Each structure stands twice: as C-alpha cells, then as structure tokens.
Amino acid sequence: MKLIKQGMTTFDIKILGIILMVIDHVHQMFFTVVPTWVDYFGRPVALLFFFTSVVGFSHTHSKKMYMLRLYIGIIIMAIGSQIMTMLFPSAIGVELINNIFRDLFLGTILMSAVDAFGVFKDNKRVSQFFKGLFLLLLPILLSVPILLIGSLPSNVSTIVAQVTMIFVPSMAIAENSLMIYLIPLLYVARNSRM
C-alpha cells in the first residue's frame, strides 16, 4: 500500500523501461518466432528514459559530468553491440545498433541549449543566445559525417562508419531521431506537474 501512496521513483521507472525494452528487443532478434505485437511493449520506453534523463539533468551537481557519463555509455554500448554482432552474426543481416545513450546524450545537449536561452533571457547576454542556437542545431550538424560516409569508397566507408557510429553522437543514427527534440520540451516543463 505504501508503494501506491509514494508513487514510482526514477529508479523504478528505469527498471520498468529496461524490462519493456528487453521484451521489445526479443522480438527484434527473434521476429520469426515471436509475434509482432510484442513490439508494443517497447513503444513507451524512449519517453520513460527521456523523462528520467530530464530529472537527472535537472538535479545533478555537475551537468558536464552527467553528459560525460552518457557519452561514455554511448561508446561502451556501441563497442559492445559491434562485438555481439561479430560473435553472433545473423543469417539475415540483423545488426545491433540500438543505443539509447546516444539519444539521451543528444538530449543533454538540447537541455544545455534551453539553459543558454534561459541565461540570455535573464541577463540579455547575446553570446548565450547564439550558444543556445548552436546547441539546438548541434544534433543535426553531427549527422553530416554520417551522410558523407556514403560518398567514400566502400572499403573505407565501412571502417569510417563503424568508428563514426562509436564516437559521433549523431541524430542520423539515434534510435529516436527527431523525437529527441521532445527532451528539451520536457525540460522546459520540468517544474510543471501538468
């Protein structure tokens, strides 16, 4: 009864998201034997993680360290996915590229843009306006290297693509692409219960 009164913590929400994500990924990896409707369990996961990221970014003592930990998460998960793909190659060419840390990291860049716009609004520092604008566009700008890889010779583009997917937090390869722009909207509304 106390759990119902207290509500869910961000830790509870993360655990729920992880469970739903695993169920969804089971279908992605075994789609020939697992029914399609299993995918529906995974649909709210990104929003759950977006919400907990906004809460974490809002309450952290060091936003730079928070961002660094997410970036390290991108690298570890990308390398792990490439190792898993090499160890367990799919007969039909399914490759693991899911990396929610990429979306969350890009979301912190967008939340930093909101912070810069807030400083501009309060102090009328024009440099903060341009910083906010740059940060708001940065996830799109980081997609340019991904788009240019296709113009490279195929033997080079494979290596460059693998390295880029590990180290460049591009919106072009983010799981939720343009949906990451929901993160700054959640951040703007973080103090409003509605």
C-alpha atoms as a PDB file:
ATOM      1  CA  MET A   1       0.000   0.000   0.000  1.00  0.00           C
ATOM      2  CA  LYS A   2       2.882   2.358   0.737  1.00  0.00           C
ATOM      3  CA  LEU A   3       4.224   1.948  -2.833  1.00  0.00           C
ATOM      4  CA  ILE A   4       0.946   3.212  -4.269  1.00  0.00           C
ATOM      5  CA  LYS A   5       0.962   6.212  -1.944  1.00  0.00           C
ATOM      6  CA  GLN A   6       4.598   7.052  -2.617  1.00  0.00           C
ATOM      7  CA  GLY A   7       4.474   6.609  -6.387  1.00  0.00           C
ATOM      8  CA  MET A   8       7.298   5.481  -8.622  1.00  0.00           C
ATOM      9  CA  THR A   9      10.839   6.741  -8.246  1.00  0.00           C
ATOM     10  CA  THR A  10      13.028   7.432 -11.263  1.00  0.00           C
ATOM     11  CA  PHE A  11      14.841   4.176 -10.436  1.00  0.00           C
ATOM     12  CA  ASP A  12      11.506   2.307 -10.656  1.00  0.00           C
ATOM     13  CA  ILE A  13      10.785   3.984 -13.996  1.00  0.00           C
ATOM     14  CA  LYS A  14      14.223   2.967 -15.325  1.00  0.00           C
ATOM     15  CA  ILE A  15      13.691  -0.664 -14.257  1.00  0.00           C
ATOM     16  CA  LEU A  16      10.262  -0.674 -15.924  1.00  0.00           C
ATOM     17  CA  GLY A  17      11.846   0.783 -19.077  1.00  0.00           C
ATOM     18  CA  ILE A  18      14.594  -1.854 -19.084  1.00  0.00           C
ATOM     19  CA  ILE A  19      12.077  -4.692 -18.726  1.00  0.00           C
ATOM     20  CA  LEU A  20       9.895  -3.322 -21.541  1.00  0.00           C
ATOM     21  CA  MET A  21      12.959  -2.737 -23.724  1.00  0.00           C
ATOM     22  CA  VAL A  22      14.170  -6.315 -23.283  1.00  0.00           C
ATOM     23  CA  ILE A  23      10.719  -7.631 -24.258  1.00  0.00           C
ATOM     24  CA  ASP A  24      10.753  -5.428 -27.367  1.00  0.00           C
ATOM     25  CA  HIS A  25      14.281  -6.479 -28.346  1.00  0.00           C
ATOM     26  CA  VAL A  26      13.383 -10.163 -28.013  1.00  0.00           C
ATOM     27  CA  HIS A  27      11.025  -9.635 -30.932  1.00  0.00           C
ATOM     28  CA  GLN A  28      13.658  -7.737 -32.921  1.00  0.00           C
ATOM     29  CA  MET A  29      16.144 -10.582 -32.597  1.00  0.00           C
ATOM     30  CA  PHE A  30      13.686 -13.492 -32.901  1.00  0.00           C
ATOM     31  CA  PHE A  31      10.999 -11.977 -35.132  1.00  0.00           C
ATOM     32  CA  THR A  32      10.449 -15.252 -36.985  1.00  0.00           C
ATOM     33  CA  VAL A  33       9.064 -16.953 -33.857  1.00  0.00           C
ATOM     34  CA  VAL A  34       7.904 -14.071 -31.647  1.00  0.00           C
ATOM     35  CA  PRO A  35       4.671 -12.283 -32.656  1.00  0.00           C
ATOM     36  CA  THR A  36       4.774  -8.667 -33.885  1.00  0.00           C
ATOM     37  CA  TRP A  37       2.524  -7.344 -31.117  1.00  0.00           C
ATOM     38  CA  VAL A  38       5.418  -7.856 -28.656  1.00  0.00           C
ATOM     39  CA  ASP A  39       6.910  -4.657 -30.148  1.00  0.00           C
ATOM     40  CA  TYR A  40       4.157  -2.619 -28.497  1.00  0.00           C
ATOM     41  CA  PHE A  41       5.755  -3.205 -25.089  1.00  0.00           C
ATOM     42  CA  GLY A  42       8.760  -1.180 -26.217  1.00  0.00           C
ATOM     43  CA  ARG A  43       6.905   1.863 -27.513  1.00  0.00           C
ATOM     44  CA  PRO A  44       6.856   3.898 -24.252  1.00  0.00           C
ATOM     45  CA  VAL A  45      10.466   3.087 -23.333  1.00  0.00           C
ATOM     46  CA  ALA A  46      12.128   6.084 -25.016  1.00  0.00           C
ATOM     47  CA  LEU A  47       9.759   8.514 -23.310  1.00  0.00           C
ATOM     48  CA  LEU A  48      10.388   6.870 -19.928  1.00  0.00           C
ATOM     49  CA  PHE A  49      14.134   7.272 -20.396  1.00  0.00           C
ATOM     50  CA  PHE A  50      13.714  10.817 -21.727  1.00  0.00           C
ATOM     51  CA  PHE A  51      11.746  11.703 -18.587  1.00  0.00           C
ATOM     52  CA  THR A  52      14.318  10.198 -16.214  1.00  0.00           C
ATOM     53  CA  SER A  53      17.108  11.951 -18.137  1.00  0.00           C
ATOM     54  CA  VAL A  54      15.391  15.311 -17.655  1.00  0.00           C
ATOM     55  CA  VAL A  55      15.020  14.610 -13.934  1.00  0.00           C
ATOM     56  CA  GLY A  56      18.668  13.531 -13.691  1.00  0.00           C
ATOM     57  CA  PHE A  57      19.983  16.514 -15.665  1.00  0.00           C
ATOM     58  CA  SER A  58      17.854  18.880 -13.568  1.00  0.00           C
ATOM     59  CA  HIS A  59      19.174  17.577 -10.250  1.00  0.00           C
ATOM     60  CA  THR A  60      22.794  16.664 -10.984  1.00  0.00           C
ATOM     61  CA  HIS A  61      25.602  18.565  -9.280  1.00  0.00           C
ATOM     62  CA  SER A  62      27.682  18.594 -12.467  1.00  0.00           C
ATOM     63  CA  LYS A  63      25.919  18.697 -15.805  1.00  0.00           C
ATOM     64  CA  LYS A  64      29.255  18.244 -17.602  1.00  0.00           C
ATOM     65  CA  MET A  65      29.965  15.019 -15.691  1.00  0.00           C
ATOM     66  CA  TYR A  66      26.416  13.824 -16.331  1.00  0.00           C
ATOM     67  CA  MET A  67      26.979  14.382 -20.058  1.00  0.00           C
ATOM     68  CA  LEU A  68      30.400  12.712 -19.932  1.00  0.00           C
ATOM     69  CA  ARG A  69      28.917   9.594 -18.288  1.00  0.00           C
ATOM     70  CA  LEU A  70      26.265   9.388 -21.021  1.00  0.00           C
ATOM     71  CA  TYR A  71      28.936   9.812 -23.720  1.00  0.00           C
ATOM     72  CA  ILE A  72      30.991   7.014 -22.163  1.00  0.00           C
ATOM     73  CA  GLY A  73      27.783   4.942 -22.153  1.00  0.00           C
ATOM     74  CA  ILE A  74      27.456   5.579 -25.920  1.00  0.00           C
ATOM     75  CA  ILE A  75      30.975   4.275 -26.533  1.00  0.00           C
ATOM     76  CA  ILE A  76      30.656   1.210 -24.294  1.00  0.00           C
ATOM     77  CA  MET A  77      27.277   0.238 -25.754  1.00  0.00           C
ATOM     78  CA  ALA A  78      28.414   0.806 -29.366  1.00  0.00           C
ATOM     79  CA  ILE A  79      31.548  -1.306 -28.885  1.00  0.00           C
ATOM     80  CA  GLY A  80      29.502  -3.974 -27.091  1.00  0.00           C
ATOM     81  CA  SER A  81      26.983  -4.045 -29.938  1.00  0.00           C
ATOM     82  CA  GLN A  82      29.731  -4.453 -32.522  1.00  0.00           C
ATOM     83  CA  ILE A  83      31.312  -7.283 -30.509  1.00  0.00           C
ATOM     84  CA  MET A  84      27.909  -9.017 -30.157  1.00  0.00           C
ATOM     85  CA  THR A  85      27.300  -8.661 -33.896  1.00  0.00           C
ATOM     86  CA  MET A  86      30.711 -10.220 -34.645  1.00  0.00           C
ATOM     87  CA  LEU A  87      30.236 -13.043 -32.116  1.00  0.00           C
ATOM     88  CA  PHE A  88      26.668 -13.826 -33.151  1.00  0.00           C
ATOM     89  CA  PRO A  89      26.284 -12.922 -36.819  1.00  0.00           C
ATOM     90  CA  SER A  90      22.750 -13.019 -38.107  1.00  0.00           C
ATOM     91  CA  ALA A  91      21.943 -15.155 -41.109  1.00  0.00           C
ATOM     92  CA  ILE A  92      19.569 -12.431 -42.325  1.00  0.00           C
ATOM     93  CA  GLY A  93      21.872  -9.468 -41.661  1.00  0.00           C
ATOM     94  CA  VAL A  94      20.313  -8.099 -38.444  1.00  0.00           C
ATOM     95  CA  GLU A  95      22.862  -5.844 -36.770  1.00  0.00           C
ATOM     96  CA  LEU A  96      22.662  -4.387 -33.272  1.00  0.00           C
ATOM     97  CA  ILE A  97      22.837  -0.598 -33.449  1.00  0.00           C
ATOM     98  CA  ASN A  98      20.379   0.332 -30.694  1.00  0.00           C
ATOM     99  CA  ASN A  99      21.949   2.811 -28.279  1.00  0.00           C
ATOM    100  CA  ILE A 100      19.597   4.815 -26.068  1.00  0.00           C
ATOM    101  CA  PHE A 101      22.612   6.568 -24.535  1.00  0.00           C
ATOM    102  CA  ARG A 102      23.098   8.386 -27.870  1.00  0.00           C
ATOM    103  CA  ASP A 103      19.573   9.798 -27.675  1.00  0.00           C
ATOM    104  CA  LEU A 104      19.995  10.785 -24.027  1.00  0.00           C
ATOM    105  CA  PHE A 105      23.365  12.447 -24.663  1.00  0.00           C
ATOM    106  CA  LEU A 106      21.933  14.434 -27.555  1.00  0.00           C
ATOM    107  CA  GLY A 107      19.063  15.328 -25.235  1.00  0.00           C
ATOM    108  CA  THR A 108      21.525  16.794 -22.715  1.00  0.00           C
ATOM    109  CA  ILE A 109      22.965  18.962 -25.484  1.00  0.00           C
ATOM    110  CA  LEU A 110      19.434  20.192 -26.198  1.00  0.00           C
ATOM    111  CA  MET A 111      18.766  20.791 -22.492  1.00  0.00           C
ATOM    112  CA  SER A 112      22.011  22.806 -22.365  1.00  0.00           C
ATOM    113  CA  ALA A 113      20.569  24.894 -25.208  1.00  0.00           C
ATOM    114  CA  VAL A 114      17.500  25.590 -23.072  1.00  0.00           C
ATOM    115  CA  ASP A 115      19.780  26.637 -20.200  1.00  0.00           C
ATOM    116  CA  ALA A 116      21.694  29.005 -22.517  1.00  0.00           C
ATOM    117  CA  PHE A 117      18.439  30.553 -23.745  1.00  0.00           C
ATOM    118  CA  GLY A 118      17.432  30.988 -20.087  1.00  0.00           C
ATOM    119  CA  VAL A 119      20.664  32.878 -19.343  1.00  0.00           C
ATOM    120  CA  PHE A 120      20.046  35.038 -22.419  1.00  0.00           C
ATOM    121  CA  LYS A 121      16.501  35.786 -21.258  1.00  0.00           C
ATOM    122  CA  ASP A 122      17.638  36.722 -17.739  1.00  0.00           C
ATOM    123  CA  ASN A 123      20.879  38.581 -18.495  1.00  0.00           C
ATOM    124  CA  LYS A 124      20.416  39.660 -22.137  1.00  0.00           C
ATOM    125  CA  ARG A 125      23.828  38.157 -22.992  1.00  0.00           C
ATOM    126  CA  VAL A 126      23.687  37.779 -26.776  1.00  0.00           C
ATOM    127  CA  SER A 127      26.505  35.226 -26.718  1.00  0.00           C
ATOM    128  CA  GLN A 128      24.204  32.901 -24.750  1.00  0.00           C
ATOM    129  CA  PHE A 129      21.525  33.221 -27.416  1.00  0.00           C
ATOM    130  CA  PHE A 130      23.987  32.105 -30.103  1.00  0.00           C
ATOM    131  CA  LYS A 131      25.301  29.346 -27.846  1.00  0.00           C
ATOM    132  CA  GLY A 132      21.736  28.110 -27.356  1.00  0.00           C
ATOM    133  CA  LEU A 133      21.042  28.260 -31.084  1.00  0.00           C
ATOM    134  CA  PHE A 134      24.253  26.359 -31.872  1.00  0.00           C
ATOM    135  CA  LEU A 135      23.465  23.677 -29.262  1.00  0.00           C
ATOM    136  CA  LEU A 136      19.910  23.375 -30.579  1.00  0.00           C
ATOM    137  CA  LEU A 137      21.263  22.678 -34.089  1.00  0.00           C
ATOM    138  CA  LEU A 138      24.245  20.554 -32.991  1.00  0.00           C
ATOM    139  CA  PRO A 139      22.439  17.155 -33.120  1.00  0.00           C
ATOM    140  CA  ILE A 140      21.537  17.887 -36.744  1.00  0.00           C
ATOM    141  CA  LEU A 141      25.064  19.123 -37.562  1.00  0.00           C
ATOM    142  CA  LEU A 142      26.557  15.945 -36.074  1.00  0.00           C
ATOM    143  CA  SER A 143      24.586  13.999 -38.699  1.00  0.00           C
ATOM    144  CA  VAL A 144      26.663  15.453 -41.549  1.00  0.00           C
ATOM    145  CA  PRO A 145      29.569  12.966 -41.136  1.00  0.00           C
ATOM    146  CA  ILE A 146      27.105  10.061 -41.401  1.00  0.00           C
ATOM    147  CA  LEU A 147      25.689  11.489 -44.628  1.00  0.00           C
ATOM    148  CA  LEU A 148      29.172  11.971 -46.098  1.00  0.00           C
ATOM    149  CA  ILE A 149      30.244   8.370 -45.414  1.00  0.00           C
ATOM    150  CA  GLY A 150      28.207   7.160 -48.393  1.00  0.00           C
ATOM    151  CA  SER A 151      30.428   9.153 -50.751  1.00  0.00           C
ATOM    152  CA  LEU A 152      33.571   7.286 -49.643  1.00  0.00           C
ATOM    153  CA  PRO A 153      34.883   4.144 -51.381  1.00  0.00           C
ATOM    154  CA  SER A 154      33.181   1.059 -49.920  1.00  0.00           C
ATOM    155  CA  ASN A 155      36.316  -0.423 -48.324  1.00  0.00           C
ATOM    156  CA  VAL A 156      36.951   2.862 -46.465  1.00  0.00           C
ATOM    157  CA  SER A 157      33.323   3.699 -45.711  1.00  0.00           C
ATOM    158  CA  THR A 158      32.778   0.508 -43.670  1.00  0.00           C
ATOM    159  CA  ILE A 159      35.626   1.328 -41.284  1.00  0.00           C
ATOM    160  CA  VAL A 160      34.734   5.024 -41.115  1.00  0.00           C
ATOM    161  CA  ALA A 161      31.071   4.136 -40.479  1.00  0.00           C
ATOM    162  CA  GLN A 162      31.988   1.808 -37.603  1.00  0.00           C
ATOM    163  CA  VAL A 163      34.261   4.390 -35.976  1.00  0.00           C
ATOM    164  CA  THR A 164      31.699   7.163 -36.520  1.00  0.00           C
ATOM    165  CA  MET A 165      28.900   5.066 -35.003  1.00  0.00           C
ATOM    166  CA  ILE A 166      31.033   4.603 -31.895  1.00  0.00           C
ATOM    167  CA  PHE A 167      32.327   8.129 -31.331  1.00  0.00           C
ATOM    168  CA  VAL A 168      29.982  10.605 -33.061  1.00  0.00           C
ATOM    169  CA  PRO A 169      26.648  11.081 -31.266  1.00  0.00           C
ATOM    170  CA  SER A 170      24.714  11.700 -34.459  1.00  0.00           C
ATOM    171  CA  MET A 171      20.967  12.219 -34.664  1.00  0.00           C
ATOM    172  CA  ALA A 172      21.075  10.381 -38.012  1.00  0.00           C
ATOM    173  CA  ILE A 173      21.776   7.125 -36.172  1.00  0.00           C
ATOM    174  CA  ALA A 174      19.923   7.892 -32.938  1.00  0.00           C
ATOM    175  CA  GLU A 175      17.189   5.403 -32.141  1.00  0.00           C
ATOM    176  CA  ASN A 176      14.527   8.070 -31.991  1.00  0.00           C
ATOM    177  CA  SER A 177      15.892  10.615 -34.486  1.00  0.00           C
ATOM    178  CA  LEU A 178      13.803  13.815 -34.340  1.00  0.00           C
ATOM    179  CA  MET A 179      11.959  12.574 -31.247  1.00  0.00           C
ATOM    180  CA  ILE A 180      14.974  13.650 -29.194  1.00  0.00           C
ATOM    181  CA  TYR A 181      13.580  17.175 -29.512  1.00  0.00           C
ATOM    182  CA  LEU A 182      10.904  16.094 -27.011  1.00  0.00           C
ATOM    183  CA  ILE A 183      13.632  16.105 -24.358  1.00  0.00           C
ATOM    184  CA  PRO A 184      14.098  19.910 -24.250  1.00  0.00           C
ATOM    185  CA  LEU A 185      10.302  20.293 -24.230  1.00  0.00           C
ATOM    186  CA  LEU A 186      10.126  18.024 -21.182  1.00  0.00           C
ATOM    187  CA  TYR A 187      12.992  20.024 -19.671  1.00  0.00           C
ATOM    188  CA  VAL A 188      11.197  23.335 -20.197  1.00  0.00           C
ATOM    189  CA  ALA A 189       8.117  21.857 -18.466  1.00  0.00           C
ATOM    190  CA  ARG A 190      10.104  20.139 -15.676  1.00  0.00           C
ATOM    191  CA  ASN A 191       8.635  22.325 -12.937  1.00  0.00           C
ATOM    192  CA  SER A 192       5.043  21.962 -14.108  1.00  0.00           C
ATOM    193  CA  ARG A 193       3.250  18.854 -12.817  1.00  0.00           C
ATOM    194  CA  MET A 194       0.763  19.027 -15.736  1.00  0.00           C
END
